[in-house]
């Protein structure tokens, strides 16, 4: 395996639309009360605004931006804190049909705001952790500790080929 390869993870069309829509919605929720209800307690508006901004900021900071393979590690790159797996912990890497995760249930995480990340589950795969930016280009990684991880690099074939050499 080549060392220090980086695989982009650009935001898919649906996630991009959801991100723009949620941004507009959050901005409206924050701004509208100031225009419609100028006499409303500013402490209530401040708390609501803080919760919305914190939600937005956390989604931005924990979103996947790409994936890196080094000689010994698989790294999910994120603005706040990368997620690191040792390569010897990875049992299998397979490209899967995106239809196999279509009816997944989001347990905790983001379902489109800056991507799809967090805990998900479905009938076929059970519990999974997603670090995805789109609903296609889907790769399922299984670890020796029985974790199932979904990632979506822009070039899934090139990514998977690194493990099948």
Foldseek 3Di string as FASTA:
>chain_A
DAFKDKFFADADPQLVVVQVVLVVVLVCLLPVCCVPPVPPDVVVSVVSNVVSVVVLVVLQQAAFGIWIGGPFWIWGDGNNDIDIDGPLFWDAKDFDALVVCPPKAAPDDDDRNQATFDWIADDPLGIATENHNYSHQWMWIATNVGHTYIYHTPDNVVVRVVVVD
